[in-house]
Amino acid sequence: MEVLKSSGYLTTFSMLTLTCIPFLVSIATFGVYFLIDESNILTASKVFTTISLFNILRLPLFDLPTVISSVVQTRVSLNRLQHFLCGEELDPENIETNYKGNHAVGFLGASFQWETHGSSILKDIHIKIPEGSLVAVVGQVGSGKSSLLSAILGEMNKLEGTIQRKGSVAYVSQQAWIQNALFQENILFGQSMNKTFYERVLEACALQPDLELLPHGDQTEIGERVRDTSYTQV
């Protein structure tokens, strides 16, 4: 809220400044014109011609902050796209899916790294997680919990060993990706509407209390700047 409040103040100040600039520039111009030489006379033709010129320049100046903001946002987006498109390709063969055993996920002497020439992050892991079991990975900050999940997803470079994974995977990131769309569209994510299944999802994610607080229920438009903790359940 503080960031949005500061942004609102800056926007208001910018609009006020841009509105007052033509008037202030006119006064400054006429004042300087008169002061640099007392023989200069402000005639009606000079005054109205100058004011007309300033009015012509007002629109480009008024749009200048918007253009600068758009250029900055475009540059940030291009840098993100470049970082993503220039990233290293993942090797799907790093994960073995056809294997014998009753475990859903298995690591056999596996070691992983994030970058090809970087240091090893996870070393000599030996884990077997049985099918149907509920497992919680607990540890200190920076101990490798998130890296372990990334290794299961196949997003890390495997140095040695074997990683086994059976069936499909559903991954819920800690940081939510919320589209600039309706609340309902963020849940459906392009799928057709199934009223029964949709209501089951709302109940499973405990979103009913949130819908009651929203002015238009699941037809409320939300965006990527939403930071309410409960919205990350989407």
Protein backbone atom coordinates (compact mmCIF):
# COMPACT_ATOMS: atom_id res chain seq x y z
CA MET A 1 0.00 0.00 0.00
CA GLU A 2 2.84 2.40 0.77
CA VAL A 3 4.35 1.83 -2.68
CA LEU A 4 0.99 2.43 -4.37
CA LYS A 5 0.45 5.52 -2.25
CA SER A 6 3.86 6.92 -3.22
CA SER A 7 3.18 6.10 -6.87
CA GLY A 8 -0.12 7.97 -6.66
CA TYR A 9 1.57 11.02 -5.17
CA LEU A 10 4.25 11.01 -7.88
CA THR A 11 1.64 10.67 -10.63
CA THR A 12 -0.38 13.56 -9.19
CA PHE A 13 2.74 15.72 -8.88
CA SER A 14 3.73 14.95 -12.48
CA MET A 15 0.28 15.80 -13.82
CA LEU A 16 0.18 19.04 -11.83
CA THR A 17 3.66 20.01 -12.99
CA LEU A 18 2.88 19.30 -16.63
CA THR A 19 -0.31 21.34 -16.36
CA CYS A 20 1.47 24.36 -14.84
CA ILE A 21 4.60 24.24 -17.01
CA PRO A 22 3.11 26.05 -20.07
CA PHE A 23 1.87 28.90 -17.88
CA LEU A 24 5.16 29.17 -15.98
CA VAL A 25 7.21 28.94 -19.18
CA SER A 26 5.16 31.73 -20.73
CA ILE A 27 5.75 34.01 -17.75
CA ALA A 28 9.47 33.18 -17.67
CA THR A 29 9.84 33.71 -21.41
CA PHE A 30 8.09 37.09 -21.41
CA GLY A 31 10.04 38.15 -18.30
CA VAL A 32 13.40 37.25 -19.79
CA TYR A 33 12.47 38.85 -23.11
CA PHE A 34 11.69 42.11 -21.34
CA LEU A 35 14.65 42.07 -18.94
CA ILE A 36 17.42 41.34 -21.43
CA ASP A 37 16.61 44.50 -23.34
CA GLU A 38 14.33 47.30 -22.20
CA SER A 39 13.65 48.21 -25.82
CA ASN A 40 11.84 44.90 -26.32
CA ILE A 41 8.13 45.52 -26.47
CA LEU A 42 5.54 42.82 -25.92
CA THR A 43 3.00 43.26 -28.64
CA ALA A 44 -0.22 41.31 -28.94
CA SER A 45 1.07 39.44 -31.99
CA LYS A 46 4.22 38.33 -30.16
CA VAL A 47 2.31 37.26 -27.04
CA PHE A 48 -0.38 35.25 -28.84
CA THR A 49 2.11 33.68 -31.25
CA THR A 50 4.30 32.58 -28.34
CA ILE A 51 1.34 31.19 -26.39
CA SER A 52 0.15 29.29 -29.49
CA LEU A 53 3.60 27.77 -29.88
CA PHE A 54 3.65 26.68 -26.24
CA ASN A 55 0.19 25.13 -26.62
CA ILE A 56 1.43 23.13 -29.60
CA LEU A 57 4.34 21.84 -27.50
CA ARG A 58 2.08 21.00 -24.54
CA LEU A 59 0.72 17.69 -25.90
CA PRO A 60 4.13 16.10 -26.64
CA LEU A 61 5.41 17.21 -23.24
CA PHE A 62 2.26 15.86 -21.59
CA ASP A 63 2.85 12.41 -23.14
CA LEU A 64 6.59 12.38 -22.39
CA PRO A 65 6.34 10.71 -18.92
CA THR A 66 4.09 7.99 -20.35
CA VAL A 67 6.53 7.35 -23.17
CA ILE A 68 9.48 7.15 -20.78
CA SER A 69 7.57 4.75 -18.51
CA SER A 70 6.63 2.55 -21.48
CA VAL A 71 10.22 2.47 -22.72
CA VAL A 72 11.49 1.43 -19.28
CA GLN A 73 8.86 -1.31 -18.96
CA THR A 74 9.65 -2.53 -22.47
CA ARG A 75 13.35 -2.72 -21.68
CA VAL A 76 12.68 -4.71 -18.50
CA SER A 77 10.42 -7.11 -20.41
CA LEU A 78 12.99 -7.57 -23.18
CA ASN A 79 15.71 -8.33 -20.63
CA ARG A 80 13.49 -10.98 -19.03
CA LEU A 81 12.71 -12.53 -22.42
CA GLN A 82 16.38 -12.52 -23.37
CA HIS A 83 17.35 -14.18 -20.10
CA PHE A 84 14.70 -16.86 -20.63
CA LEU A 85 15.36 -17.50 -24.33
CA CYS A 86 19.14 -17.58 -23.88
CA GLY A 87 18.97 -20.02 -20.98
CA GLU A 88 20.40 -23.50 -21.21
CA GLU A 89 18.18 -26.25 -22.59
CA LEU A 90 16.96 -28.88 -20.14
CA ASP A 91 17.68 -32.51 -20.94
CA PRO A 92 14.54 -34.62 -20.45
CA GLU A 93 16.68 -37.77 -20.42
CA ASN A 94 18.10 -36.74 -17.05
CA ILE A 95 14.98 -38.19 -15.42
CA GLU A 96 14.22 -41.88 -15.65
CA THR A 97 10.47 -42.55 -15.88
CA ASN A 98 10.41 -46.26 -16.74
CA TYR A 99 11.78 -48.21 -13.79
CA LYS A 100 10.85 -51.02 -11.45
CA GLY A 101 9.88 -50.21 -7.90
CA ASN A 102 7.04 -48.88 -5.81
CA HIS A 103 8.55 -45.46 -5.18
CA ALA A 104 7.23 -42.29 -6.83
CA VAL A 105 10.54 -40.40 -6.67
CA GLY A 106 14.03 -41.76 -6.24
CA PHE A 107 17.57 -40.40 -6.14
CA LEU A 108 20.45 -42.86 -6.50
CA GLY A 109 23.81 -41.19 -5.85
CA ALA A 110 22.63 -38.08 -7.69
CA SER A 111 24.44 -34.74 -7.70
CA PHE A 112 23.17 -31.52 -9.26
CA GLN A 113 24.31 -28.00 -10.15
CA TRP A 114 22.52 -24.91 -11.41
CA GLU A 115 25.06 -23.74 -13.98
CA THR A 116 27.09 -25.90 -16.32
CA HIS A 117 30.40 -24.61 -14.99
CA GLY A 118 29.17 -23.89 -11.49
CA SER A 119 29.75 -25.75 -8.25
CA SER A 120 27.73 -28.74 -7.12
CA ILE A 121 24.67 -27.73 -5.08
CA LEU A 122 23.23 -31.15 -4.19
CA LYS A 123 25.71 -33.98 -3.69
CA ASP A 124 25.34 -37.77 -3.59
CA ILE A 125 21.62 -37.90 -2.75
CA HIS A 126 20.07 -41.28 -1.87
CA ILE A 127 16.30 -40.97 -1.39
CA LYS A 128 13.28 -43.13 -2.22
CA ILE A 129 9.81 -41.71 -1.66
CA PRO A 130 7.08 -44.41 -1.72
CA GLU A 131 3.94 -43.90 -3.78
CA GLY A 132 1.03 -42.34 -1.92
CA SER A 133 3.15 -40.97 0.91
CA LEU A 134 3.12 -37.41 2.22
CA VAL A 135 6.62 -36.01 2.66
CA ALA A 136 7.72 -32.65 4.07
CA VAL A 137 11.25 -31.38 3.47
CA VAL A 138 12.39 -29.35 6.48
CA GLY A 139 15.65 -27.49 6.87
CA GLN A 140 17.38 -24.17 7.42
CA VAL A 141 17.33 -21.34 4.90
CA GLY A 142 19.70 -22.12 2.03
CA SER A 143 19.99 -25.81 2.88
CA GLY A 144 18.73 -26.87 -0.56
CA LYS A 145 14.99 -27.53 -0.10
CA SER A 146 13.95 -25.57 -3.18
CA SER A 147 16.87 -27.01 -5.14
CA LEU A 148 15.68 -30.51 -4.30
CA LEU A 149 12.25 -29.71 -5.75
CA SER A 150 13.87 -28.21 -8.84
CA ALA A 151 15.92 -31.37 -9.27
CA ILE A 152 12.73 -33.47 -9.15
CA LEU A 153 11.23 -31.21 -11.82
CA GLY A 154 14.34 -31.63 -13.98
CA GLU A 155 15.34 -27.97 -13.82
CA MET A 156 18.89 -28.59 -12.55
CA ASN A 157 21.92 -29.97 -14.37
CA LYS A 158 22.62 -33.54 -13.30
CA LEU A 159 26.30 -34.27 -12.75
CA GLU A 160 26.07 -37.95 -11.85
CA GLY A 161 23.77 -40.61 -10.49
CA THR A 162 20.16 -41.39 -11.32
CA ILE A 163 16.88 -39.61 -10.68
CA GLN A 164 13.62 -41.51 -11.04
CA ARG A 165 10.14 -40.06 -11.21
CA LYS A 166 6.86 -41.83 -11.87
CA GLY A 167 3.60 -40.35 -13.12
CA SER A 168 2.69 -36.71 -13.68
CA VAL A 169 3.81 -33.79 -11.52
CA ALA A 170 1.85 -30.82 -10.19
CA TYR A 171 4.07 -28.02 -8.89
CA VAL A 172 2.74 -25.04 -6.92
CA SER A 173 5.34 -22.30 -6.77
CA GLN A 174 5.83 -20.23 -3.62
CA GLN A 175 5.50 -17.07 -5.70
CA ALA A 176 2.15 -16.96 -7.45
CA TRP A 177 1.81 -15.97 -11.11
CA ILE A 178 -1.46 -14.06 -11.39
CA GLN A 179 -2.75 -12.95 -14.76
CA ASN A 180 -4.28 -9.54 -15.43
CA ALA A 181 -7.69 -11.12 -15.80
CA LEU A 182 -10.82 -12.06 -13.88
CA PHE A 183 -10.54 -14.08 -10.70
CA GLN A 184 -12.42 -16.91 -12.40
CA GLU A 185 -10.15 -16.82 -15.47
CA ASN A 186 -7.08 -17.17 -13.23
CA ILE A 187 -8.53 -20.42 -11.90
CA LEU A 188 -9.81 -21.83 -15.20
CA PHE A 189 -6.57 -20.90 -16.98
CA GLY A 190 -8.05 -21.36 -20.44
CA GLN A 191 -10.07 -24.49 -19.63
CA SER A 192 -13.80 -24.76 -20.21
CA MET A 193 -16.10 -24.09 -17.27
CA ASN A 194 -17.16 -27.12 -15.20
CA LYS A 195 -19.35 -25.75 -12.42
CA THR A 196 -19.05 -28.78 -10.12
CA PHE A 197 -15.29 -29.12 -10.47
CA TYR A 198 -14.86 -25.34 -10.24
CA GLU A 199 -16.66 -25.22 -6.89
CA ARG A 200 -14.58 -28.16 -5.62
CA VAL A 201 -11.41 -26.23 -6.49
CA LEU A 202 -12.67 -23.14 -4.64
CA GLU A 203 -13.41 -25.25 -1.58
CA ALA A 204 -10.09 -27.12 -1.72
CA CYS A 205 -8.14 -23.84 -1.95
CA ALA A 206 -10.27 -22.15 0.77
CA LEU A 207 -11.16 -19.31 -1.61
CA GLN A 208 -14.82 -18.97 -0.69
CA PRO A 209 -14.14 -16.40 2.10
CA ASP A 210 -12.08 -14.34 -0.37
CA LEU A 211 -14.85 -14.33 -2.95
CA GLU A 212 -17.28 -13.02 -0.35
CA LEU A 213 -14.96 -10.06 0.29
CA LEU A 214 -14.52 -9.16 -3.38
CA PRO A 215 -16.98 -6.59 -4.77
CA HIS A 216 -17.92 -8.72 -7.82
CA GLY A 217 -17.07 -12.20 -6.56
CA ASP A 218 -15.15 -14.34 -9.03
CA GLN A 219 -15.86 -11.75 -11.74
CA THR A 220 -13.53 -9.27 -10.05
CA GLU A 221 -10.52 -8.34 -12.14
CA ILE A 222 -7.18 -8.93 -10.46
CA GLY A 223 -3.63 -8.55 -11.73
CA GLU A 224 0.01 -9.40 -11.24
CA ARG A 225 0.43 -6.63 -8.63
CA VAL A 226 -1.95 -8.34 -6.23
CA ARG A 227 0.01 -9.08 -3.09
CA ASP A 228 -2.71 -10.33 -0.72
CA THR A 229 -1.53 -13.62 0.78
CA SER A 230 -4.88 -15.32 0.25
CA TYR A 231 -4.76 -14.55 -3.48
CA THR A 232 -1.69 -16.71 -3.87
CA GLN A 233 -4.06 -19.65 -3.39
CA VAL A 234 -5.24 -19.01 -6.93
